[in-house]
Amino acid sequence: MWYRIWLYVYFTWFRPMLKWVLRRATGKCELLRICCNSYTKTGHKTKDIENALKTSKLRTFQRMVIDDDLNISEAVKYAMTVKNINPKIYPEFQYTLKASLKQISGYNALVRDIEALKKEKYSTANPSHERSLQKLWDLMMPNTKLEKRITRQWTELGFQGDDPATDFRGMGMLGLNNLIFFAENYNGVARQTLIHSQHPKLWYSYAVVGINLTNLAYDLLKDGQLREYFYYTVTGEPAIYHFHRIYSQVFAEFDSFWFAEKPKNVMEFGSVRDKFEKKVVGLLMKSDNAVLHNNYTGMS
């Protein structure tokens, strides 16, 4: 209740007044002050620029933070014209704003692309999908031949039954692509995690948990909680590669977290997963650079 009142007061009265005072004192608008601050890192500037655009009275500025197909050059020209900024006096303005808009628009485009992968249902009639599934097996079980397409062997990889296609219903091809990326780019960590998941007492279903963690990473992306992470760690536009990479890190972190929690059985997965999500969100919010930390070699 009081927090909402404070937000209303801040954005309705205090912030506009502060902007007016600073503009009078410095002779610069908010965007110009942010872009010309040489002591602020790019990630911080992008965050501040995004907030400035989002809270602007101009709808054209507001739309810049939600457009996943923004014409960045035109947007920069518009900002310079509206704010009456001379590029000869402030040459850094257009370069800084352009770099930040690339990150902002890139994040929005990433959400769109991840949504498309999530909506792409796994199809046994699609040869590309079938090859991807076989690739996952070959990467994770290089010394064991898959006897046939539908087989009990899939449970060794942590799927629920004989046909793993049914496990991808919720996350579509995004779930499979995440598992493949983890196995292909961090094979040692992925296979060690699979071994951990087969613990006689603290076991969990590797593939099923992996797909569930895809859901967690997707929610973090969709809710915007990965925005600052990408602003601080990715130069330019974030791509699907960066999403897969953070997923891999989340999976490795979850494995460590699971054994640290020592659940009585796999039925406690839901509560452990909820606690883990709070930990991840806390790490994203706690660090000045919004970077997740882990103790796995090869994950940096």
C-alpha atoms as a PDB file:
ATOM      1  CA  MET A   1       0.000   0.000   0.000  1.00  0.00           C
ATOM      2  CA  TRP A   2       2.632   2.541   1.110  1.00  0.00           C
ATOM      3  CA  TYR A   3       4.980   1.397  -1.651  1.00  0.00           C
ATOM      4  CA  ARG A   4       2.331   2.127  -4.281  1.00  0.00           C
ATOM      5  CA  ILE A   5       1.692   5.535  -2.772  1.00  0.00           C
ATOM      6  CA  TRP A   6       5.436   6.253  -2.851  1.00  0.00           C
ATOM      7  CA  LEU A   7       5.658   5.212  -6.522  1.00  0.00           C
ATOM      8  CA  TYR A   8       2.739   7.469  -7.388  1.00  0.00           C
ATOM      9  CA  VAL A   9       4.267  10.424  -5.557  1.00  0.00           C
ATOM     10  CA  TYR A  10       7.705   9.761  -7.031  1.00  0.00           C
ATOM     11  CA  PHE A  11       6.645   9.516 -10.665  1.00  0.00           C
ATOM     12  CA  THR A  12       3.911  12.147 -10.482  1.00  0.00           C
ATOM     13  CA  TRP A  13       5.653  14.860  -8.482  1.00  0.00           C
ATOM     14  CA  PHE A  14       9.187  14.181  -7.282  1.00  0.00           C
ATOM     15  CA  ARG A  15      10.768  12.819 -10.477  1.00  0.00           C
ATOM     16  CA  PRO A  16       9.424  15.541 -12.822  1.00  0.00           C
ATOM     17  CA  MET A  17      10.553  18.197 -10.339  1.00  0.00           C
ATOM     18  CA  LEU A  18      14.000  16.644 -10.042  1.00  0.00           C
ATOM     19  CA  LYS A  19      14.337  16.474 -13.842  1.00  0.00           C
ATOM     20  CA  TRP A  20      13.368  20.157 -14.113  1.00  0.00           C
ATOM     21  CA  VAL A  21      15.911  21.191 -11.469  1.00  0.00           C
ATOM     22  CA  LEU A  22      18.713  19.146 -13.068  1.00  0.00           C
ATOM     23  CA  ARG A  23      17.947  20.495 -16.515  1.00  0.00           C
ATOM     24  CA  ARG A  24      18.057  24.052 -15.189  1.00  0.00           C
ATOM     25  CA  ALA A  25      21.284  23.402 -13.342  1.00  0.00           C
ATOM     26  CA  THR A  26      23.134  21.505 -16.105  1.00  0.00           C
ATOM     27  CA  GLY A  27      21.474  22.776 -19.255  1.00  0.00           C
ATOM     28  CA  LYS A  28      21.030  19.161 -20.369  1.00  0.00           C
ATOM     29  CA  CYS A  29      17.956  16.960 -20.719  1.00  0.00           C
ATOM     30  CA  GLU A  30      17.837  13.601 -18.930  1.00  0.00           C
ATOM     31  CA  LEU A  31      18.841  11.563 -21.989  1.00  0.00           C
ATOM     32  CA  LEU A  32      21.795  13.824 -22.675  1.00  0.00           C
ATOM     33  CA  ARG A  33      22.968  13.645 -19.057  1.00  0.00           C
ATOM     34  CA  ILE A  34      22.856   9.854 -19.135  1.00  0.00           C
ATOM     35  CA  CYS A  35      24.635   9.512 -22.490  1.00  0.00           C
ATOM     36  CA  CYS A  36      27.371  11.999 -21.604  1.00  0.00           C
ATOM     37  CA  ASN A  37      28.178  10.461 -18.236  1.00  0.00           C
ATOM     38  CA  SER A  38      31.648   9.025 -18.860  1.00  0.00           C
ATOM     39  CA  TYR A  39      31.762   7.340 -15.444  1.00  0.00           C
ATOM     40  CA  THR A  40      28.777   5.072 -16.079  1.00  0.00           C
ATOM     41  CA  LYS A  41      29.190   1.673 -17.763  1.00  0.00           C
ATOM     42  CA  THR A  42      27.176   0.787 -20.850  1.00  0.00           C
ATOM     43  CA  GLY A  43      24.882  -1.594 -18.975  1.00  0.00           C
ATOM     44  CA  HIS A  44      23.949   1.054 -16.432  1.00  0.00           C
ATOM     45  CA  LYS A  45      23.397   3.605 -19.191  1.00  0.00           C
ATOM     46  CA  THR A  46      21.073   1.242 -21.051  1.00  0.00           C
ATOM     47  CA  LYS A  47      19.051   0.665 -17.898  1.00  0.00           C
ATOM     48  CA  ASP A  48      18.817   4.407 -17.194  1.00  0.00           C
ATOM     49  CA  ILE A  49      17.997   5.239 -20.822  1.00  0.00           C
ATOM     50  CA  GLU A  50      15.266   2.610 -20.837  1.00  0.00           C
ATOM     51  CA  ASN A  51      13.728   4.093 -17.685  1.00  0.00           C
ATOM     52  CA  ALA A  52      13.936   7.595 -19.121  1.00  0.00           C
ATOM     53  CA  LEU A  53      12.204   6.556 -22.348  1.00  0.00           C
ATOM     54  CA  LYS A  54       9.598   4.494 -20.530  1.00  0.00           C
ATOM     55  CA  THR A  55       8.589   7.380 -18.246  1.00  0.00           C
ATOM     56  CA  SER A  56       8.700  10.035 -20.983  1.00  0.00           C
ATOM     57  CA  LYS A  57       5.535  11.975 -21.792  1.00  0.00           C
ATOM     58  CA  LEU A  58       6.207  11.383 -25.498  1.00  0.00           C
ATOM     59  CA  ARG A  59       4.598   8.181 -26.758  1.00  0.00           C
ATOM     60  CA  THR A  60       7.221   7.884 -29.485  1.00  0.00           C
ATOM     61  CA  PHE A  61       9.864   7.543 -26.775  1.00  0.00           C
ATOM     62  CA  GLN A  62       7.712   5.080 -24.826  1.00  0.00           C
ATOM     63  CA  ARG A  63       7.321   2.869 -27.901  1.00  0.00           C
ATOM     64  CA  MET A  64      11.108   2.672 -28.321  1.00  0.00           C
ATOM     65  CA  VAL A  65      11.366   0.375 -25.293  1.00  0.00           C
ATOM     66  CA  ILE A  66       8.749  -2.129 -26.481  1.00  0.00           C
ATOM     67  CA  ASP A  67       9.481  -2.310 -30.221  1.00  0.00           C
ATOM     68  CA  ASP A  68      11.338  -5.475 -31.260  1.00  0.00           C
ATOM     69  CA  ASP A  69      11.871  -4.181 -34.801  1.00  0.00           C
ATOM     70  CA  LEU A  70      12.924  -0.615 -34.058  1.00  0.00           C
ATOM     71  CA  ASN A  71      14.563   1.508 -36.735  1.00  0.00           C
ATOM     72  CA  ILE A  72      17.375   2.570 -34.438  1.00  0.00           C
ATOM     73  CA  SER A  73      18.970   5.160 -36.741  1.00  0.00           C
ATOM     74  CA  GLU A  74      15.638   6.930 -37.201  1.00  0.00           C
ATOM     75  CA  ALA A  75      14.944   6.738 -33.465  1.00  0.00           C
ATOM     76  CA  VAL A  76      18.281   8.398 -32.660  1.00  0.00           C
ATOM     77  CA  LYS A  77      17.661  11.149 -35.228  1.00  0.00           C
ATOM     78  CA  TYR A  78      14.208  11.751 -33.762  1.00  0.00           C
ATOM     79  CA  ALA A  79      15.600  12.006 -30.227  1.00  0.00           C
ATOM     80  CA  MET A  80      18.284  14.491 -31.312  1.00  0.00           C
ATOM     81  CA  THR A  81      15.699  16.614 -33.116  1.00  0.00           C
ATOM     82  CA  VAL A  82      13.124  16.618 -30.311  1.00  0.00           C
ATOM     83  CA  LYS A  83      15.735  17.279 -27.627  1.00  0.00           C
ATOM     84  CA  ASN A  84      17.561  19.811 -29.824  1.00  0.00           C
ATOM     85  CA  ILE A  85      20.940  18.112 -29.361  1.00  0.00           C
ATOM     86  CA  ASN A  86      23.819  19.311 -31.515  1.00  0.00           C
ATOM     87  CA  PRO A  87      25.942  16.299 -32.625  1.00  0.00           C
ATOM     88  CA  LYS A  88      29.015  18.506 -33.015  1.00  0.00           C
ATOM     89  CA  ILE A  89      28.836  19.607 -29.388  1.00  0.00           C
ATOM     90  CA  TYR A  90      27.775  16.210 -28.011  1.00  0.00           C
ATOM     91  CA  PRO A  91      29.062  13.573 -30.496  1.00  0.00           C
ATOM     92  CA  GLU A  92      28.876  10.825 -27.859  1.00  0.00           C
ATOM     93  CA  PHE A  93      25.102  11.168 -27.543  1.00  0.00           C
ATOM     94  CA  GLN A  94      24.130   9.451 -30.790  1.00  0.00           C
ATOM     95  CA  TYR A  95      26.643   6.621 -30.352  1.00  0.00           C
ATOM     96  CA  THR A  96      25.624   5.903 -26.774  1.00  0.00           C
ATOM     97  CA  LEU A  97      21.898   6.080 -27.478  1.00  0.00           C
ATOM     98  CA  LYS A  98      22.299   3.863 -30.528  1.00  0.00           C
ATOM     99  CA  ALA A  99      24.229   1.230 -28.548  1.00  0.00           C
ATOM    100  CA  SER A 100      21.625   1.212 -25.777  1.00  0.00           C
ATOM    101  CA  LEU A 101      18.684   1.032 -28.174  1.00  0.00           C
ATOM    102  CA  LYS A 102      20.345  -1.985 -29.800  1.00  0.00           C
ATOM    103  CA  GLN A 103      20.383  -3.724 -26.437  1.00  0.00           C
ATOM    104  CA  ILE A 104      16.790  -2.752 -25.622  1.00  0.00           C
ATOM    105  CA  SER A 105      15.377  -3.663 -29.024  1.00  0.00           C
ATOM    106  CA  GLY A 106      17.545  -6.794 -29.097  1.00  0.00           C
ATOM    107  CA  TYR A 107      16.086  -8.016 -25.816  1.00  0.00           C
ATOM    108  CA  ASN A 108      12.560  -7.543 -27.149  1.00  0.00           C
ATOM    109  CA  ALA A 109      13.485  -9.440 -30.328  1.00  0.00           C
ATOM    110  CA  LEU A 110      14.997 -12.229 -28.219  1.00  0.00           C
ATOM    111  CA  VAL A 111      11.735 -12.617 -26.283  1.00  0.00           C
ATOM    112  CA  ARG A 112       9.918 -12.877 -29.625  1.00  0.00           C
ATOM    113  CA  ASP A 113      12.327 -15.525 -30.962  1.00  0.00           C
ATOM    114  CA  ILE A 114      12.214 -17.577 -27.756  1.00  0.00           C
ATOM    115  CA  GLU A 115       8.404 -17.434 -27.830  1.00  0.00           C
ATOM    116  CA  ALA A 116       8.484 -18.841 -31.362  1.00  0.00           C
ATOM    117  CA  LEU A 117      10.720 -21.754 -30.315  1.00  0.00           C
ATOM    118  CA  LYS A 118       8.485 -22.484 -27.335  1.00  0.00           C
ATOM    119  CA  LYS A 119       5.401 -22.570 -29.566  1.00  0.00           C
ATOM    120  CA  GLU A 120       7.070 -24.894 -32.085  1.00  0.00           C
ATOM    121  CA  LYS A 121       5.737 -28.293 -31.074  1.00  0.00           C
ATOM    122  CA  TYR A 122       7.928 -31.361 -31.329  1.00  0.00           C
ATOM    123  CA  SER A 123       6.780 -33.477 -34.272  1.00  0.00           C
ATOM    124  CA  THR A 124       7.832 -37.049 -34.927  1.00  0.00           C
ATOM    125  CA  ALA A 125       6.999 -36.375 -38.588  1.00  0.00           C
ATOM    126  CA  ASN A 126       9.655 -33.654 -38.766  1.00  0.00           C
ATOM    127  CA  PRO A 127      13.052 -35.166 -39.739  1.00  0.00           C
ATOM    128  CA  SER A 128      14.888 -32.149 -38.273  1.00  0.00           C
ATOM    129  CA  HIS A 129      13.224 -32.670 -34.898  1.00  0.00           C
ATOM    130  CA  GLU A 130      14.036 -36.362 -34.948  1.00  0.00           C
ATOM    131  CA  ARG A 131      17.678 -35.681 -35.816  1.00  0.00           C
ATOM    132  CA  SER A 132      17.898 -33.203 -32.922  1.00  0.00           C
ATOM    133  CA  LEU A 133      16.581 -35.811 -30.510  1.00  0.00           C
ATOM    134  CA  GLN A 134      19.105 -38.352 -31.758  1.00  0.00           C
ATOM    135  CA  LYS A 135      21.831 -35.722 -31.387  1.00  0.00           C
ATOM    136  CA  LEU A 136      20.920 -35.245 -27.731  1.00  0.00           C
ATOM    137  CA  TRP A 137      21.297 -38.963 -27.129  1.00  0.00           C
ATOM    138  CA  ASP A 138      24.636 -39.140 -28.937  1.00  0.00           C
ATOM    139  CA  LEU A 139      26.005 -36.201 -26.946  1.00  0.00           C
ATOM    140  CA  MET A 140      24.863 -37.488 -23.559  1.00  0.00           C
ATOM    141  CA  MET A 141      25.318 -41.238 -24.115  1.00  0.00           C
ATOM    142  CA  PRO A 142      28.281 -41.476 -26.527  1.00  0.00           C
ATOM    143  CA  ASN A 143      29.188 -44.997 -25.467  1.00  0.00           C
ATOM    144  CA  THR A 144      25.692 -46.452 -25.703  1.00  0.00           C
ATOM    145  CA  LYS A 145      23.866 -47.022 -28.973  1.00  0.00           C
ATOM    146  CA  LEU A 146      20.195 -46.121 -29.102  1.00  0.00           C
ATOM    147  CA  GLU A 147      18.550 -49.399 -30.101  1.00  0.00           C
ATOM    148  CA  LYS A 148      15.412 -47.875 -31.615  1.00  0.00           C
ATOM    149  CA  ARG A 149      13.412 -44.647 -31.692  1.00  0.00           C
ATOM    150  CA  ILE A 150      10.861 -45.660 -29.080  1.00  0.00           C
ATOM    151  CA  THR A 151      12.606 -47.505 -26.283  1.00  0.00           C
ATOM    152  CA  ARG A 152      12.892 -47.706 -22.525  1.00  0.00           C
ATOM    153  CA  GLN A 153      16.462 -46.470 -22.934  1.00  0.00           C
ATOM    154  CA  TRP A 154      15.191 -42.869 -22.906  1.00  0.00           C
ATOM    155  CA  THR A 155      14.469 -43.151 -19.196  1.00  0.00           C
ATOM    156  CA  GLU A 156      18.237 -43.455 -18.642  1.00  0.00           C
ATOM    157  CA  LEU A 157      18.424 -39.858 -19.856  1.00  0.00           C
ATOM    158  CA  GLY A 158      15.675 -38.818 -17.467  1.00  0.00           C
ATOM    159  CA  PHE A 159      12.632 -38.849 -19.748  1.00  0.00           C
ATOM    160  CA  GLN A 160       9.344 -40.130 -18.362  1.00  0.00           C
ATOM    161  CA  GLY A 161       8.698 -42.940 -20.796  1.00  0.00           C
ATOM    162  CA  ASP A 162       9.628 -44.728 -23.990  1.00  0.00           C
ATOM    163  CA  ASP A 163       8.949 -41.731 -26.253  1.00  0.00           C
ATOM    164  CA  PRO A 164      10.548 -38.436 -25.140  1.00  0.00           C
ATOM    165  CA  ALA A 165       8.475 -36.503 -27.685  1.00  0.00           C
ATOM    166  CA  THR A 166       5.632 -36.373 -25.167  1.00  0.00           C
ATOM    167  CA  ASP A 167       7.813 -34.569 -22.590  1.00  0.00           C
ATOM    168  CA  PHE A 168       8.335 -31.524 -24.812  1.00  0.00           C
ATOM    169  CA  ARG A 169       4.652 -30.529 -24.917  1.00  0.00           C
ATOM    170  CA  GLY A 170       4.998 -27.607 -22.522  1.00  0.00           C
ATOM    171  CA  MET A 171       8.205 -26.006 -23.826  1.00  0.00           C
ATOM    172  CA  GLY A 172       8.212 -27.236 -27.417  1.00  0.00           C
ATOM    173  CA  MET A 173      11.488 -27.183 -29.329  1.00  0.00           C
ATOM    174  CA  LEU A 174      12.895 -24.650 -26.868  1.00  0.00           C
ATOM    175  CA  GLY A 175      13.182 -27.396 -24.264  1.00  0.00           C
ATOM    176  CA  LEU A 176      15.025 -29.736 -26.619  1.00  0.00           C
ATOM    177  CA  ASN A 177      17.299 -27.015 -27.972  1.00  0.00           C
ATOM    178  CA  ASN A 178      18.287 -26.026 -24.441  1.00  0.00           C
ATOM    179  CA  LEU A 179      19.199 -29.601 -23.541  1.00  0.00           C
ATOM    180  CA  ILE A 180      21.248 -29.951 -26.736  1.00  0.00           C
ATOM    181  CA  PHE A 181      23.088 -26.669 -26.181  1.00  0.00           C
ATOM    182  CA  PHE A 182      24.028 -27.679 -22.629  1.00  0.00           C
ATOM    183  CA  ALA A 183      25.217 -31.098 -23.829  1.00  0.00           C
ATOM    184  CA  GLU A 184      27.116 -29.742 -26.815  1.00  0.00           C
ATOM    185  CA  ASN A 185      28.804 -26.680 -25.317  1.00  0.00           C
ATOM    186  CA  TYR A 186      29.379 -27.916 -21.744  1.00  0.00           C
ATOM    187  CA  ASN A 187      29.456 -31.640 -22.338  1.00  0.00           C
ATOM    188  CA  GLY A 188      31.563 -32.494 -19.317  1.00  0.00           C
ATOM    189  CA  VAL A 189      29.320 -30.545 -16.953  1.00  0.00           C
ATOM    190  CA  ALA A 190      26.129 -31.877 -18.579  1.00  0.00           C
ATOM    191  CA  ARG A 191      27.210 -35.519 -18.362  1.00  0.00           C
ATOM    192  CA  GLN A 192      28.405 -35.064 -14.790  1.00  0.00           C
ATOM    193  CA  THR A 193      25.008 -33.556 -13.966  1.00  0.00           C
ATOM    194  CA  LEU A 194      23.339 -36.618 -15.525  1.00  0.00           C
ATOM    195  CA  ILE A 195      25.442 -38.866 -13.283  1.00  0.00           C
ATOM    196  CA  HIS A 196      24.461 -36.785 -10.249  1.00  0.00           C
ATOM    197  CA  SER A 197      20.788 -37.110 -11.188  1.00  0.00           C
ATOM    198  CA  GLN A 198      21.098 -40.922 -10.911  1.00  0.00           C
ATOM    199  CA  HIS A 199      22.073 -40.802  -7.224  1.00  0.00           C
ATOM    200  CA  PRO A 200      20.484 -43.760  -5.366  1.00  0.00           C
ATOM    201  CA  LYS A 201      18.740 -41.482  -2.814  1.00  0.00           C
ATOM    202  CA  LEU A 202      18.819 -37.930  -4.191  1.00  0.00           C
ATOM    203  CA  TRP A 203      17.943 -38.843  -7.765  1.00  0.00           C
ATOM    204  CA  TYR A 204      15.891 -36.700 -10.118  1.00  0.00           C
ATOM    205  CA  SER A 205      14.842 -37.076 -13.752  1.00  0.00           C
ATOM    206  CA  TYR A 206      17.536 -35.258 -15.717  1.00  0.00           C
ATOM    207  CA  ALA A 207      15.638 -34.455 -18.924  1.00  0.00           C
ATOM    208  CA  VAL A 208      12.326 -33.706 -17.222  1.00  0.00           C
ATOM    209  CA  VAL A 209      14.033 -31.359 -14.768  1.00  0.00           C
ATOM    210  CA  GLY A 210      15.951 -29.799 -17.655  1.00  0.00           C
ATOM    211  CA  ILE A 211      12.701 -29.013 -19.452  1.00  0.00           C
ATOM    212  CA  ASN A 212      11.259 -27.603 -16.225  1.00  0.00           C
ATOM    213  CA  LEU A 213      14.302 -25.336 -15.912  1.00  0.00           C
ATOM    214  CA  THR A 214      13.672 -24.167 -19.467  1.00  0.00           C
ATOM    215  CA  ASN A 215      10.313 -22.985 -18.150  1.00  0.00           C
ATOM    216  CA  LEU A 216      12.097 -21.155 -15.317  1.00  0.00           C
ATOM    217  CA  ALA A 217      14.556 -19.442 -17.694  1.00  0.00           C
ATOM    218  CA  TYR A 218      11.703 -18.565 -20.035  1.00  0.00           C
ATOM    219  CA  ASP A 219       9.715 -16.947 -17.212  1.00  0.00           C
ATOM    220  CA  LEU A 220      12.755 -14.902 -16.168  1.00  0.00           C
ATOM    221  CA  LEU A 221      13.176 -13.715 -19.741  1.00  0.00           C
ATOM    222  CA  LYS A 222       9.487 -12.961 -20.335  1.00  0.00           C
ATOM    223  CA  ASP A 223       9.123 -11.123 -17.004  1.00  0.00           C
ATOM    224  CA  GLY A 224      12.122  -8.953 -17.839  1.00  0.00           C
ATOM    225  CA  GLN A 225      14.256 -10.200 -14.965  1.00  0.00           C
ATOM    226  CA  LEU A 226      17.067 -11.097 -17.375  1.00  0.00           C
ATOM    227  CA  ARG A 227      17.120  -7.622 -18.943  1.00  0.00           C
ATOM    228  CA  GLU A 228      19.824  -6.188 -16.734  1.00  0.00           C
ATOM    229  CA  TYR A 229      21.815  -9.423 -16.904  1.00  0.00           C
ATOM    230  CA  PHE A 230      22.032  -9.084 -20.679  1.00  0.00           C
ATOM    231  CA  TYR A 231      22.559  -5.324 -20.562  1.00  0.00           C
ATOM    232  CA  TYR A 232      25.591  -5.802 -18.297  1.00  0.00           C
ATOM    233  CA  THR A 233      27.065  -8.916 -19.921  1.00  0.00           C
ATOM    234  CA  VAL A 234      26.273  -8.715 -23.649  1.00  0.00           C
ATOM    235  CA  THR A 235      27.738  -6.069 -25.929  1.00  0.00           C
ATOM    236  CA  GLY A 236      25.146  -5.303 -28.568  1.00  0.00           C
ATOM    237  CA  GLU A 237      22.013  -7.339 -29.143  1.00  0.00           C
ATOM    238  CA  PRO A 238      21.443 -10.472 -27.037  1.00  0.00           C
ATOM    239  CA  ALA A 239      20.748 -13.582 -29.116  1.00  0.00           C
ATOM    240  CA  ILE A 240      19.318 -17.058 -28.558  1.00  0.00           C
ATOM    241  CA  TYR A 241      22.878 -18.233 -27.863  1.00  0.00           C
ATOM    242  CA  HIS A 242      22.955 -16.039 -24.750  1.00  0.00           C
ATOM    243  CA  PHE A 243      19.640 -17.449 -23.527  1.00  0.00           C
ATOM    244  CA  HIS A 244      20.896 -21.024 -24.020  1.00  0.00           C
ATOM    245  CA  ARG A 245      24.053 -20.134 -22.160  1.00  0.00           C
ATOM    246  CA  ILE A 246      22.293 -18.795 -19.091  1.00  0.00           C
ATOM    247  CA  TYR A 247      20.001 -21.847 -19.178  1.00  0.00           C
ATOM    248  CA  SER A 248      23.071 -24.081 -19.035  1.00  0.00           C
ATOM    249  CA  GLN A 249      24.362 -22.148 -16.075  1.00  0.00           C
ATOM    250  CA  VAL A 250      20.990 -22.360 -14.326  1.00  0.00           C
ATOM    251  CA  PHE A 251      20.904 -26.149 -14.840  1.00  0.00           C
ATOM    252  CA  ALA A 252      24.397 -26.558 -13.390  1.00  0.00           C
ATOM    253  CA  GLU A 253      23.463 -24.319 -10.451  1.00  0.00           C
ATOM    254  CA  PHE A 254      20.256 -26.276  -9.818  1.00  0.00           C
ATOM    255  CA  ASP A 255      22.137 -29.568  -9.620  1.00  0.00           C
ATOM    256  CA  SER A 256      24.385 -28.121  -6.928  1.00  0.00           C
ATOM    257  CA  PHE A 257      21.392 -26.581  -5.134  1.00  0.00           C
ATOM    258  CA  TRP A 258      19.432 -29.862  -5.192  1.00  0.00           C
ATOM    259  CA  PHE A 259      22.164 -31.782  -3.384  1.00  0.00           C
ATOM    260  CA  ALA A 260      22.730 -28.950  -0.927  1.00  0.00           C
ATOM    261  CA  GLU A 261      19.019 -29.071  -0.009  1.00  0.00           C
ATOM    262  CA  LYS A 262      19.063 -32.875   0.458  1.00  0.00           C
ATOM    263  CA  PRO A 263      15.351 -33.420  -0.259  1.00  0.00           C
ATOM    264  CA  LYS A 264      13.733 -36.532   1.199  1.00  0.00           C
ATOM    265  CA  ASN A 265      12.647 -37.672  -2.246  1.00  0.00           C
ATOM    266  CA  VAL A 266      11.853 -36.422  -5.739  1.00  0.00           C
ATOM    267  CA  MET A 267       8.334 -35.498  -4.620  1.00  0.00           C
ATOM    268  CA  GLU A 268       9.875 -32.421  -2.983  1.00  0.00           C
ATOM    269  CA  PHE A 269      11.021 -31.142  -6.372  1.00  0.00           C
ATOM    270  CA  GLY A 270       8.359 -28.429  -6.472  1.00  0.00           C
ATOM    271  CA  SER A 271       9.367 -26.810  -3.206  1.00  0.00           C
ATOM    272  CA  VAL A 272      13.089 -27.083  -3.988  1.00  0.00           C
ATOM    273  CA  ARG A 273      12.505 -25.587  -7.409  1.00  0.00           C
ATOM    274  CA  ASP A 274      10.607 -22.648  -5.868  1.00  0.00           C
ATOM    275  CA  LYS A 275      13.445 -21.987  -3.430  1.00  0.00           C
ATOM    276  CA  PHE A 276      15.942 -22.201  -6.257  1.00  0.00           C
ATOM    277  CA  GLU A 277      13.983 -19.690  -8.322  1.00  0.00           C
ATOM    278  CA  LYS A 278      14.064 -17.224  -5.426  1.00  0.00           C
ATOM    279  CA  LYS A 279      17.825 -17.725  -5.204  1.00  0.00           C
ATOM    280  CA  VAL A 280      18.314 -17.043  -8.917  1.00  0.00           C
ATOM    281  CA  VAL A 281      16.136 -13.935  -8.808  1.00  0.00           C
ATOM    282  CA  GLY A 282      18.061 -12.783  -5.742  1.00  0.00           C
ATOM    283  CA  LEU A 283      21.387 -13.208  -7.538  1.00  0.00           C
ATOM    284  CA  LEU A 284      20.106 -11.278 -10.532  1.00  0.00           C
ATOM    285  CA  MET A 285      18.970  -8.417  -8.314  1.00  0.00           C
ATOM    286  CA  LYS A 286      21.811  -8.449  -5.784  1.00  0.00           C
ATOM    287  CA  SER A 287      24.868  -8.029  -7.977  1.00  0.00           C
ATOM    288  CA  ASP A 288      25.765  -4.650  -9.422  1.00  0.00           C
ATOM    289  CA  ASN A 289      26.568  -6.469 -12.632  1.00  0.00           C
ATOM    290  CA  ALA A 290      23.594  -8.822 -12.383  1.00  0.00           C
ATOM    291  CA  VAL A 291      25.816 -11.845 -12.980  1.00  0.00           C
ATOM    292  CA  LEU A 292      25.054 -15.347 -11.770  1.00  0.00           C
ATOM    293  CA  HIS A 293      27.992 -17.041 -10.139  1.00  0.00           C
ATOM    294  CA  ASN A 294      28.893 -20.718 -10.155  1.00  0.00           C
ATOM    295  CA  ASN A 295      31.732 -23.042  -9.213  1.00  0.00           C
ATOM    296  CA  TYR A 296      31.776 -25.078 -12.412  1.00  0.00           C
ATOM    297  CA  THR A 297      34.879 -24.952 -14.580  1.00  0.00           C
ATOM    298  CA  GLY A 298      33.996 -24.471 -18.192  1.00  0.00           C
ATOM    299  CA  MET A 299      30.856 -22.485 -17.404  1.00  0.00           C
ATOM    300  CA  SER A 300      32.508 -19.053 -17.371  1.00  0.00           C
END
